C-alpha atoms as a PDB file:
ATOM      1  CA  MET A   1      88.326 131.470 115.129  1.00  0.00           C
ATOM      2  CA  GLN A   2      89.551 131.683 118.962  1.00  0.00           C
ATOM      3  CA  SER A   3      88.585 135.496 119.011  1.00  0.00           C
ATOM      4  CA  ALA A   4      85.576 134.878 117.015  1.00  0.00           C
ATOM      5  CA  PHE A   5      84.366 132.346 119.284  1.00  0.00           C
ATOM      6  CA  ASN A   6      85.305 134.383 122.503  1.00  0.00           C
ATOM      7  CA  SER A   7      83.487 137.655 121.226  1.00  0.00           C
ATOM      8  CA  ASP A   8      80.196 135.051 120.401  1.00  0.00           C
ATOM      9  CA  ILE A   9      79.938 134.159 124.251  1.00  0.00           C
ATOM     10  CA  ASP A  10      80.930 137.624 125.578  1.00  0.00           C
ATOM     11  CA  CYS A  11      83.932 136.065 127.458  1.00  0.00           C
ATOM     12  CA  LYS A  12      87.521 136.626 127.520  1.00  0.00           C
ATOM     13  CA  GLY A  13      89.668 133.272 127.103  1.00  0.00           C
ATOM     14  CA  THR A  14      91.353 134.137 130.631  1.00  0.00           C
ATOM     15  CA  ASP A  15      88.325 135.160 132.403  1.00  0.00           C
ATOM     16  CA  LYS A  16      87.479 131.670 133.885  1.00  0.00           C
ATOM     17  CA  SER A  17      84.569 132.329 135.933  1.00  0.00           C
ATOM     18  CA  CYS A  18      82.584 133.974 132.981  1.00  0.00           C
ATOM     19  CA  LEU A  19      83.692 130.738 131.140  1.00  0.00           C
ATOM     20  CA  ASN A  20      82.292 128.676 133.910  1.00  0.00           C
ATOM     21  CA  ARG A  21      79.010 130.472 133.763  1.00  0.00           C
ATOM     22  CA  LEU A  22      78.190 129.578 130.097  1.00  0.00           C
ATOM     23  CA  SER A  23      75.061 127.454 129.564  1.00  0.00           C
ATOM     24  CA  LEU A  24      75.444 124.357 127.432  1.00  0.00           C
ATOM     25  CA  ASN A  25      73.257 126.129 124.417  1.00  0.00           C
ATOM     26  CA  LYS A  26      75.254 128.972 124.676  1.00  0.00           C
ATOM     27  CA  ILE A  27      78.821 127.278 124.002  1.00  0.00           C
ATOM     28  CA  LEU A  28      77.062 125.378 121.240  1.00  0.00           C
ATOM     29  CA  SER A  29      75.179 128.129 119.368  1.00  0.00           C
ATOM     30  CA  ALA A  30      78.677 129.715 119.433  1.00  0.00           C
ATOM     31  CA  GLN A  31      80.330 126.672 118.000  1.00  0.00           C
ATOM     32  CA  ASP A  32      77.930 126.213 115.360  1.00  0.00           C
ATOM     33  CA  THR A  33      78.274 129.856 114.266  1.00  0.00           C
ATOM     34  CA  ILE A  34      82.141 129.176 113.971  1.00  0.00           C
ATOM     35  CA  TYR A  35      81.467 125.802 112.115  1.00  0.00           C
ATOM     36  CA  ASN A  36      79.154 127.673 109.738  1.00  0.00           C
ATOM     37  CA  ASN A  37      80.675 130.902 109.029  1.00  0.00           C
ATOM     38  CA  ALA A  38      84.529 130.327 109.697  1.00  0.00           C
ATOM     39  CA  ALA A  39      85.622 130.020 106.064  1.00  0.00           C
ATOM     40  CA  SER A  40      83.286 132.560 104.411  1.00  0.00           C
ATOM     41  CA  GLN A  41      83.841 135.248 107.207  1.00  0.00           C
ATOM     42  CA  ILE A  42      86.932 134.714 109.218  1.00  0.00           C
ATOM     43  CA  ASP A  43      89.651 133.290 107.283  1.00  0.00           C
ATOM     44  CA  PRO A  44      89.392 130.998 104.131  1.00  0.00           C
ATOM     45  CA  SER A  45      92.110 128.943 105.215  1.00  0.00           C
ATOM     46  CA  THR A  46      89.807 127.014 107.600  1.00  0.00           C
ATOM     47  CA  GLY A  47      88.092 125.345 104.993  1.00  0.00           C
ATOM     48  CA  THR A  48      84.141 124.364 105.108  1.00  0.00           C
ATOM     49  CA  GLY A  49      84.610 120.914 105.971  1.00  0.00           C
ATOM     50  CA  GLU A  50      86.373 120.840 109.179  1.00  0.00           C
ATOM     51  CA  PRO A  51      86.895 124.454 110.451  1.00  0.00           C
ATOM     52  CA  ILE A  52      87.553 123.357 113.978  1.00  0.00           C
ATOM     53  CA  ARG A  53      90.607 121.161 113.998  1.00  0.00           C
ATOM     54  CA  VAL A  54      94.000 120.896 115.178  1.00  0.00           C
ATOM     55  CA  VAL A  55      96.285 123.129 113.476  1.00  0.00           C
ATOM     56  CA  ARG A  56     100.141 124.141 113.753  1.00  0.00           C
ATOM     57  CA  ASP A  57      99.966 126.618 116.144  1.00  0.00           C
ATOM     58  CA  GLY A  58     103.638 126.517 117.110  1.00  0.00           C
ATOM     59  CA  LYS A  59     103.157 125.561 120.636  1.00  0.00           C
ATOM     60  CA  LEU A  60     101.472 121.977 121.123  1.00  0.00           C
ATOM     61  CA  ILE A  61     101.792 121.497 117.007  1.00  0.00           C
ATOM     62  CA  THR A  62     105.497 122.867 116.020  1.00  0.00           C
ATOM     63  CA  SER A  63     105.983 121.274 112.614  1.00  0.00           C
ATOM     64  CA  PRO A  64     103.826 120.226 109.873  1.00  0.00           C
ATOM     65  CA  LEU A  65     103.771 116.301 108.204  1.00  0.00           C
ATOM     66  CA  ASP A  66     103.378 117.702 104.935  1.00  0.00           C
ATOM     67  CA  SER A  67     105.462 119.062 101.782  1.00  0.00           C
ATOM     68  CA  THR A  68     105.846 122.598 103.374  1.00  0.00           C
ATOM     69  CA  ASP A  69     108.986 121.860 105.490  1.00  0.00           C
ATOM     70  CA  PRO A  70     111.701 119.200 105.516  1.00  0.00           C
ATOM     71  CA  PHE A  71     110.754 116.297 107.238  1.00  0.00           C
ATOM     72  CA  PRO A  72     113.106 114.510 109.971  1.00  0.00           C
ATOM     73  CA  HIS A  73     114.412 111.460 109.107  1.00  0.00           C
ATOM     74  CA  GLU A  74     111.886 108.303 109.752  1.00  0.00           C
ATOM     75  CA  SER A  75     112.100 104.747 110.601  1.00  0.00           C
ATOM     76  CA  LYS A  76     108.314 104.077 111.531  1.00  0.00           C
ATOM     77  CA  PRO A  77     106.772 101.638 109.012  1.00  0.00           C
ATOM     78  CA  LEU A  78     103.266 102.935 107.631  1.00  0.00           C
ATOM     79  CA  LEU A  79     100.425 101.292 105.963  1.00  0.00           C
ATOM     80  CA  ILE A  80      98.018 103.648 104.513  1.00  0.00           C
ATOM     81  CA  THR A  81      94.779 102.710 102.229  1.00  0.00           C
ATOM     82  CA  ASN A  82      92.028 104.221 100.576  1.00  0.00           C
ATOM     83  CA  VAL A  83      88.840 103.258  98.587  1.00  0.00           C
ATOM     84  CA  LEU A  84      87.885 103.600  95.077  1.00  0.00           C
ATOM     85  CA  ASP A  85      85.432 106.015  95.512  1.00  0.00           C
ATOM     86  CA  GLU A  86      86.325 108.057  98.694  1.00  0.00           C
ATOM     87  CA  ALA A  87      84.146 111.369  98.283  1.00  0.00           C
ATOM     88  CA  ALA A  88      81.313 109.638  96.408  1.00  0.00           C
ATOM     89  CA  ALA A  89      79.209 109.510  99.928  1.00  0.00           C
ATOM     90  CA  ALA A  90      79.781 112.965 100.552  1.00  0.00           C
ATOM     91  CA  ILE A  91      78.864 114.089  96.908  1.00  0.00           C
ATOM     92  CA  TYR A  92      75.806 112.171  96.248  1.00  0.00           C
ATOM     93  CA  SER A  93      74.352 113.392  99.433  1.00  0.00           C
ATOM     94  CA  ALA A  94      75.176 116.758  99.027  1.00  0.00           C
ATOM     95  CA  PHE A  95      73.841 116.693  95.474  1.00  0.00           C
ATOM     96  CA  PRO A  96      70.930 114.068  95.542  1.00  0.00           C
ATOM     97  CA  ASP A  97      70.071 115.159  91.926  1.00  0.00           C
ATOM     98  CA  THR A  98      72.011 115.321  88.864  1.00  0.00           C
ATOM     99  CA  VAL A  99      74.636 118.346  88.644  1.00  0.00           C
ATOM    100  CA  PRO A 100      74.614 119.724  84.823  1.00  0.00           C
ATOM    101  CA  GLU A 101      77.839 119.715  83.294  1.00  0.00           C
ATOM    102  CA  ASP A 102      77.803 123.255  83.029  1.00  0.00           C
ATOM    103  CA  GLN A 103      77.597 123.749  86.878  1.00  0.00           C
ATOM    104  CA  PHE A 104      80.817 121.997  87.223  1.00  0.00           C
ATOM    105  CA  GLU A 105      83.258 124.997  87.191  1.00  0.00           C
ATOM    106  CA  GLY A 106      81.460 126.767  89.662  1.00  0.00           C
ATOM    107  CA  CYS A 107      81.150 123.678  91.969  1.00  0.00           C
ATOM    108  CA  VAL A 108      84.887 123.305  91.476  1.00  0.00           C
ATOM    109  CA  ASN A 109      85.079 126.962  91.867  1.00  0.00           C
ATOM    110  CA  ALA A 110      83.212 127.257  95.612  1.00  0.00           C
ATOM    111  CA  SER A 111      86.091 124.902  97.181  1.00  0.00           C
ATOM    112  CA  PHE A 112      89.104 126.139  95.270  1.00  0.00           C
ATOM    113  CA  GLY A 113      88.949 129.763  93.732  1.00  0.00           C
ATOM    114  CA  SER A 114      91.274 131.263  91.380  1.00  0.00           C
ATOM    115  CA  PRO A 115      93.488 130.035  89.917  1.00  0.00           C
ATOM    116  CA  ARG A 116      93.305 126.618  91.043  1.00  0.00           C
ATOM    117  CA  THR A 117      89.789 126.168  89.484  1.00  0.00           C
ATOM    118  CA  GLN A 118      90.957 127.107  86.045  1.00  0.00           C
ATOM    119  CA  GLN A 119      93.783 124.607  86.536  1.00  0.00           C
ATOM    120  CA  ILE A 120      91.621 121.912  87.521  1.00  0.00           C
ATOM    121  CA  VAL A 121      88.943 122.065  84.949  1.00  0.00           C
ATOM    122  CA  SER A 122      91.483 122.745  81.872  1.00  0.00           C
ATOM    123  CA  SER A 123      93.152 119.231  82.738  1.00  0.00           C
ATOM    124  CA  PRO A 124      92.359 116.161  81.119  1.00  0.00           C
ATOM    125  CA  HIS A 125      91.911 114.216  84.745  1.00  0.00           C
ATOM    126  CA  TYR A 126      88.519 115.716  85.398  1.00  0.00           C
ATOM    127  CA  SER A 127      87.021 116.049  81.914  1.00  0.00           C
ATOM    128  CA  LEU A 128      84.211 114.207  80.381  1.00  0.00           C
ATOM    129  CA  SER A 129      84.748 110.757  79.672  1.00  0.00           C
ATOM    130  CA  ALA A 130      85.120 110.149  75.995  1.00  0.00           C
ATOM    131  CA  GLY A 131      81.407 109.608  74.420  1.00  0.00           C
ATOM    132  CA  VAL A 132      79.578 111.077  77.426  1.00  0.00           C
ATOM    133  CA  ASP A 133      77.013 113.935  75.674  1.00  0.00           C
ATOM    134  CA  ARG A 134      77.590 117.095  77.682  1.00  0.00           C
ATOM    135  CA  ALA A 135      73.878 118.019  77.538  1.00  0.00           C
ATOM    136  CA  THR A 136      73.093 115.000  79.494  1.00  0.00           C
ATOM    137  CA  ALA A 137      76.173 114.517  81.419  1.00  0.00           C
ATOM    138  CA  ASP A 138      76.232 114.285  85.265  1.00  0.00           C
ATOM    139  CA  ALA A 139      79.279 116.128  87.003  1.00  0.00           C
ATOM    140  CA  ARG A 140      78.613 114.308  90.106  1.00  0.00           C
ATOM    141  CA  VAL A 141      80.811 111.661  88.471  1.00  0.00           C
ATOM    142  CA  GLN A 142      83.763 114.180  88.027  1.00  0.00           C
ATOM    143  CA  LEU A 143      83.279 115.946  91.414  1.00  0.00           C
ATOM    144  CA  GLN A 144      83.469 112.631  93.053  1.00  0.00           C
ATOM    145  CA  GLN A 145      86.692 111.912  91.586  1.00  0.00           C
ATOM    146  CA  LEU A 146      88.243 114.987  92.000  1.00  0.00           C
ATOM    147  CA  ALA A 147      87.004 115.327  95.576  1.00  0.00           C
ATOM    148  CA  THR A 148      88.458 111.489  96.281  1.00  0.00           C
ATOM    149  CA  ASP A 149      91.878 112.571  94.309  1.00  0.00           C
ATOM    150  CA  TYR A 150      92.501 115.769  96.461  1.00  0.00           C
ATOM    151  CA  LEU A 151      91.151 114.799  99.856  1.00  0.00           C
ATOM    152  CA  TRP A 152      92.020 111.121  99.958  1.00  0.00           C
ATOM    153  CA  LYS A 153      94.282 109.299  97.186  1.00  0.00           C
ATOM    154  CA  CYS A 154      96.747 112.058  96.144  1.00  0.00           C
ATOM    155  CA  ALA A 155      96.898 113.727  99.569  1.00  0.00           C
ATOM    156  CA  ALA A 156      97.851 110.367 100.940  1.00  0.00           C
ATOM    157  CA  TRP A 157     100.367 109.620  98.297  1.00  0.00           C
ATOM    158  CA  THR A 158     101.864 112.688  98.495  1.00  0.00           C
ATOM    159  CA  PHE A 159     102.497 112.158 102.311  1.00  0.00           C
ATOM    160  CA  GLY A 160     103.953 108.408 101.297  1.00  0.00           C
ATOM    161  CA  ARG A 161     106.552 109.984  98.700  1.00  0.00           C
ATOM    162  CA  ASN A 162     107.932 112.208 101.444  1.00  0.00           C
ATOM    163  CA  TRP A 163     107.856 109.662 104.403  1.00  0.00           C
ATOM    164  CA  ALA A 164     109.512 107.337 101.875  1.00  0.00           C
ATOM    165  CA  SER A 165     112.155 110.057 100.679  1.00  0.00           C
ATOM    166  CA  ASN A 166     112.735 110.584 104.484  1.00  0.00           C
ATOM    167  CA  GLY A 167     113.953 106.753 105.427  1.00  0.00           C
ATOM    168  CA  GLY A 168     110.403 105.503 106.106  1.00  0.00           C
ATOM    169  CA  ASN A 169     109.144 102.499 104.545  1.00  0.00           C
ATOM    170  CA  VAL A 170     105.456 103.026 103.711  1.00  0.00           C
ATOM    171  CA  PHE A 171     102.973 100.683 101.948  1.00  0.00           C
ATOM    172  CA  MET A 172      99.970 102.426  99.886  1.00  0.00           C
ATOM    173  CA  GLY A 173      96.735 100.617  98.716  1.00  0.00           C
ATOM    174  CA  MET A 174      93.224 100.911  97.372  1.00  0.00           C
ATOM    175  CA  TYR A 175      90.335  99.133  97.870  1.00  0.00           C
ATOM    176  CA  VAL A 176      88.245  98.213  94.674  1.00  0.00           C
ATOM    177  CA  VAL A 177      86.251  95.622  96.593  1.00  0.00           C
ATOM    178  CA  GLY A 178      84.368  96.715  99.472  1.00  0.00           C
ATOM    179  CA  ALA A 179      81.266  96.185 101.546  1.00  0.00           C
ATOM    180  CA  THR A 180      78.519  98.583 102.005  1.00  0.00           C
ATOM    181  CA  TYR A 181      78.749  99.931 105.247  1.00  0.00           C
ATOM    182  CA  PRO A 182      75.550 101.343 106.812  1.00  0.00           C
ATOM    183  CA  GLY A 183      74.590 104.365 106.173  1.00  0.00           C
ATOM    184  CA  ASN A 184      75.973 104.234 102.740  1.00  0.00           C
ATOM    185  CA  ASP A 185      73.161 102.070 101.904  1.00  0.00           C
ATOM    186  CA  GLU A 186      70.741 104.594 101.855  1.00  0.00           C
ATOM    187  CA  ILE A 187      72.660 106.714  98.754  1.00  0.00           C
ATOM    188  CA  LEU A 188      71.920 104.671  95.722  1.00  0.00           C
ATOM    189  CA  TYR A 189      75.333 105.208  94.122  1.00  0.00           C
ATOM    190  CA  CYS A 190      77.088 103.675  96.846  1.00  0.00           C
ATOM    191  CA  THR A 191      74.997 100.449  96.234  1.00  0.00           C
ATOM    192  CA  SER A 192      75.950 100.310  92.441  1.00  0.00           C
ATOM    193  CA  PRO A 193      77.999  97.495  91.318  1.00  0.00           C
ATOM    194  CA  GLY A 194      81.925  98.241  91.606  1.00  0.00           C
ATOM    195  CA  VAL A 195      81.474 101.295  93.690  1.00  0.00           C
ATOM    196  CA  VAL A 196      83.317 101.492  96.745  1.00  0.00           C
ATOM    197  CA  CYS A 197      82.589 104.359  99.131  1.00  0.00           C
ATOM    198  CA  HIS A 198      83.874 105.867 102.159  1.00  0.00           C
ATOM    199  CA  GLN A 199      84.170 103.092 104.948  1.00  0.00           C
ATOM    200  CA  ASP A 200      83.269 100.474 102.858  1.00  0.00           C
ATOM    201  CA  ASP A 201      86.335  98.808 103.508  1.00  0.00           C
ATOM    202  CA  ILE A 202      85.816  98.676 107.277  1.00  0.00           C
ATOM    203  CA  GLU A 203      84.088  95.218 107.240  1.00  0.00           C
ATOM    204  CA  ILE A 204      86.178  93.621 104.691  1.00  0.00           C
ATOM    205  CA  VAL A 205      89.103  94.377 107.416  1.00  0.00           C
ATOM    206  CA  PHE A 206      87.402  93.029 110.697  1.00  0.00           C
ATOM    207  CA  GLY A 207      85.628  90.046 108.634  1.00  0.00           C
ATOM    208  CA  THR A 208      82.159  91.070 109.805  1.00  0.00           C
ATOM    209  CA  VAL A 209      80.592  91.215 106.133  1.00  0.00           C
ATOM    210  CA  PRO A 210      77.087  89.570 106.395  1.00  0.00           C
ATOM    211  CA  ASN A 211      76.937  86.872 103.687  1.00  0.00           C
ATOM    212  CA  PRO A 212      80.081  88.086 101.978  1.00  0.00           C
ATOM    213  CA  THR A 213      80.575  87.354  98.259  1.00  0.00           C
ATOM    214  CA  PRO A 214      83.688  85.030  97.451  1.00  0.00           C
ATOM    215  CA  ALA A 215      85.447  88.181  96.386  1.00  0.00           C
ATOM    216  CA  GLN A 216      84.643  89.790  99.897  1.00  0.00           C
ATOM    217  CA  SER A 217      85.872  86.762 101.871  1.00  0.00           C
ATOM    218  CA  GLN A 218      89.234  86.173  99.967  1.00  0.00           C
ATOM    219  CA  LEU A 219      89.881  89.904 100.563  1.00  0.00           C
ATOM    220  CA  THR A 220      89.348  89.527 104.299  1.00  0.00           C
ATOM    221  CA  THR A 221      91.644  86.746 104.142  1.00  0.00           C
ATOM    222  CA  GLU A 222      94.309  88.636 102.452  1.00  0.00           C
ATOM    223  CA  MET A 223      94.034  91.629 104.319  1.00  0.00           C
ATOM    224  CA  GLN A 224      93.718  89.920 107.853  1.00  0.00           C
ATOM    225  CA  ALA A 225      96.844  88.167 106.947  1.00  0.00           C
ATOM    226  CA  ARG A 226      98.596  91.394 105.638  1.00  0.00           C
ATOM    227  CA  TYR A 227      97.990  93.232 108.894  1.00  0.00           C
ATOM    228  CA  LYS A 228      99.166  90.384 110.902  1.00  0.00           C
ATOM    229  CA  ALA A 229     102.139  90.118 108.966  1.00  0.00           C
ATOM    230  CA  PHE A 230     102.855  94.142 109.387  1.00  0.00           C
ATOM    231  CA  LEU A 231     101.807  94.278 113.021  1.00  0.00           C
ATOM    232  CA  ASN A 232     104.418  91.828 113.686  1.00  0.00           C
ATOM    233  CA  THR A 233     107.365  92.677 111.201  1.00  0.00           C
ATOM    234  CA  GLY A 234     106.291  95.931 109.750  1.00  0.00           C
ATOM    235  CA  ASN A 235     106.029  94.282 106.295  1.00  0.00           C
ATOM    236  CA  PRO A 236     102.339  93.456 104.812  1.00  0.00           C
ATOM    237  CA  ASN A 237     103.756  90.317 103.252  1.00  0.00           C
ATOM    238  CA  PRO A 238     103.275  87.290 104.826  1.00  0.00           C
ATOM    239  CA  GLN A 239     105.938  84.805 104.974  1.00  0.00           C
ATOM    240  CA  GLY A 240     105.312  82.167 102.043  1.00  0.00           C
ATOM    241  CA  SER A 241     101.771  83.250 100.940  1.00  0.00           C
ATOM    242  CA  SER A 242     100.737  83.300  97.278  1.00  0.00           C
ATOM    243  CA  PHE A 243      99.548  87.093  97.976  1.00  0.00           C
ATOM    244  CA  ALA A 244     100.840  89.648  95.364  1.00  0.00           C
ATOM    245  CA  THR A 245     104.143  91.260  96.627  1.00  0.00           C
ATOM    246  CA  TRP A 246     103.232  94.469  98.088  1.00  0.00           C
ATOM    247  CA  ALA A 247     106.570  97.189  97.465  1.00  0.00           C
ATOM    248  CA  PRO A 248     107.138  99.864  99.427  1.00  0.00           C
ATOM    249  CA  ALA A 249     107.015 103.457  98.200  1.00  0.00           C
ATOM    250  CA  THR A 250     109.796 105.257  96.891  1.00  0.00           C
ATOM    251  CA  ASN A 251     110.077 109.227  96.624  1.00  0.00           C
ATOM    252  CA  SER A 252     108.997 108.725  92.909  1.00  0.00           C
ATOM    253  CA  ASP A 253     106.161 105.652  92.754  1.00  0.00           C
ATOM    254  CA  VAL A 254     104.174 104.932  95.672  1.00  0.00           C
ATOM    255  CA  HIS A 255     103.648 101.567  94.127  1.00  0.00           C
ATOM    256  CA  ALA A 256     100.030 101.467  95.306  1.00  0.00           C
ATOM    257  CA  LEU A 257      98.780  98.039  95.557  1.00  0.00           C
ATOM    258  CA  THR A 258      95.093  97.329  94.082  1.00  0.00           C
ATOM    259  CA  LEU A 259      93.149  95.488  97.030  1.00  0.00           C
ATOM    260  CA  GLY A 260      90.618  93.217  95.499  1.00  0.00           C
ATOM    261  CA  GLY A 261      92.130  93.600  92.337  1.00  0.00           C
ATOM    262  CA  LEU A 262      95.361  92.908  90.370  1.00  0.00           C
ATOM    263  CA  GLY A 263      98.621  95.078  89.665  1.00  0.00           C
ATOM    264  CA  GLU A 264      99.137  98.532  90.996  1.00  0.00           C
ATOM    265  CA  VAL A 265      96.968 101.428  91.031  1.00  0.00           C
ATOM    266  CA  ALA A 266      97.277 103.813  88.186  1.00  0.00           C
ATOM    267  CA  VAL A 267      98.385 107.498  88.881  1.00  0.00           C
ATOM    268  CA  GLY A 268      96.429 109.444  86.953  1.00  0.00           C
ATOM    269  CA  ALA A 269      96.115 113.119  88.609  1.00  0.00           C
ATOM    270  CA  CYS A 270      98.278 111.794  91.638  1.00  0.00           C
ATOM    271  CA  ASP A 271     101.165 112.637  89.447  1.00  0.00           C
ATOM    272  CA  PRO A 272     103.201 114.792  91.770  1.00  0.00           C
ATOM    273  CA  ASN A 273     103.724 117.416  88.709  1.00  0.00           C
ATOM    274  CA  PHE A 274      99.851 117.843  89.159  1.00  0.00           C
ATOM    275  CA  TRP A 275      98.609 117.887  92.794  1.00  0.00           C
ATOM    276  CA  GLY A 276     101.130 119.743  95.074  1.00  0.00           C
ATOM    277  CA  GLU A 277     102.774 121.342  92.260  1.00  0.00           C
ATOM    278  CA  ALA A 278     100.715 122.642  89.230  1.00  0.00           C
ATOM    279  CA  VAL A 279      97.535 122.477  91.541  1.00  0.00           C
ATOM    280  CA  GLN A 280      98.513 122.930  95.451  1.00  0.00           C
ATOM    281  CA  TYR A 281      97.157 121.840  98.432  1.00  0.00           C
ATOM    282  CA  ASP A 282      95.507 124.436 100.882  1.00  0.00           C
ATOM    283  CA  TYR A 283      98.185 123.998 103.440  1.00  0.00           C
ATOM    284  CA  GLN A 284     100.531 125.070 100.454  1.00  0.00           C
ATOM    285  CA  VAL A 285      98.157 128.056  99.367  1.00  0.00           C
ATOM    286  CA  TYR A 286      97.419 129.346 102.563  1.00  0.00           C
ATOM    287  CA  ASP A 287     101.011 128.431 104.327  1.00  0.00           C
ATOM    288  CA  ILE A 288      99.431 126.538 107.130  1.00  0.00           C
END
């Protein structure tokens, strides 16, 4: 990517005088070219969402925080949460109209290629729900769940298991109650009852929900108490509270707490035998 960028701006990376003469438009135009073409024309490992990002380069970043290398021993406590429908805003913005079920595999293939596409579409995790007619099904439902799992939920759980297995305490959770964040209110799906889109946890945490419902107020009270306890002690279980016990993850069970609901979050596709094993993450496929 660096070579492609230097070629586009017609400057060597070491030529400071050339770089200093570049116009802002020239720099931004070259950046846009990289962003739009990196995955298809330079290297598929860059991905289509964030091709310009920090990567392990062997100099600044020398070790990965994933499952490709052994972790060092960890002692820092972490609290990691996601929301129920993390990818909904992205999927329903990219596809404003119904996606026929026959196009599901093609959409998956555009991101995952072979053999991961076949492994995904043949698994029960992303099949049509029972009773849904294939002829009228909307594949965005499956795409949203797939992207939520792959990019947020399961990736976080994989990280949590690794952290726990190397000595660190990590508490995992998922919001099933949220408050529609500005911008998400323009996406019809994100305003549907029971849907919690990316960023819909923000106003819950900070207590800024306009006209909160009782469920939202209750969750705000709980999460602010939990964050206070975590910041002071490294444990999100306030002493003497009546909140459900939030158990730390282990190397085999993340014990993800349902935030705004009851009990722990169902494992689903985040079984370590599926994501990270049967279907590998990009960092495993491309060894990055």
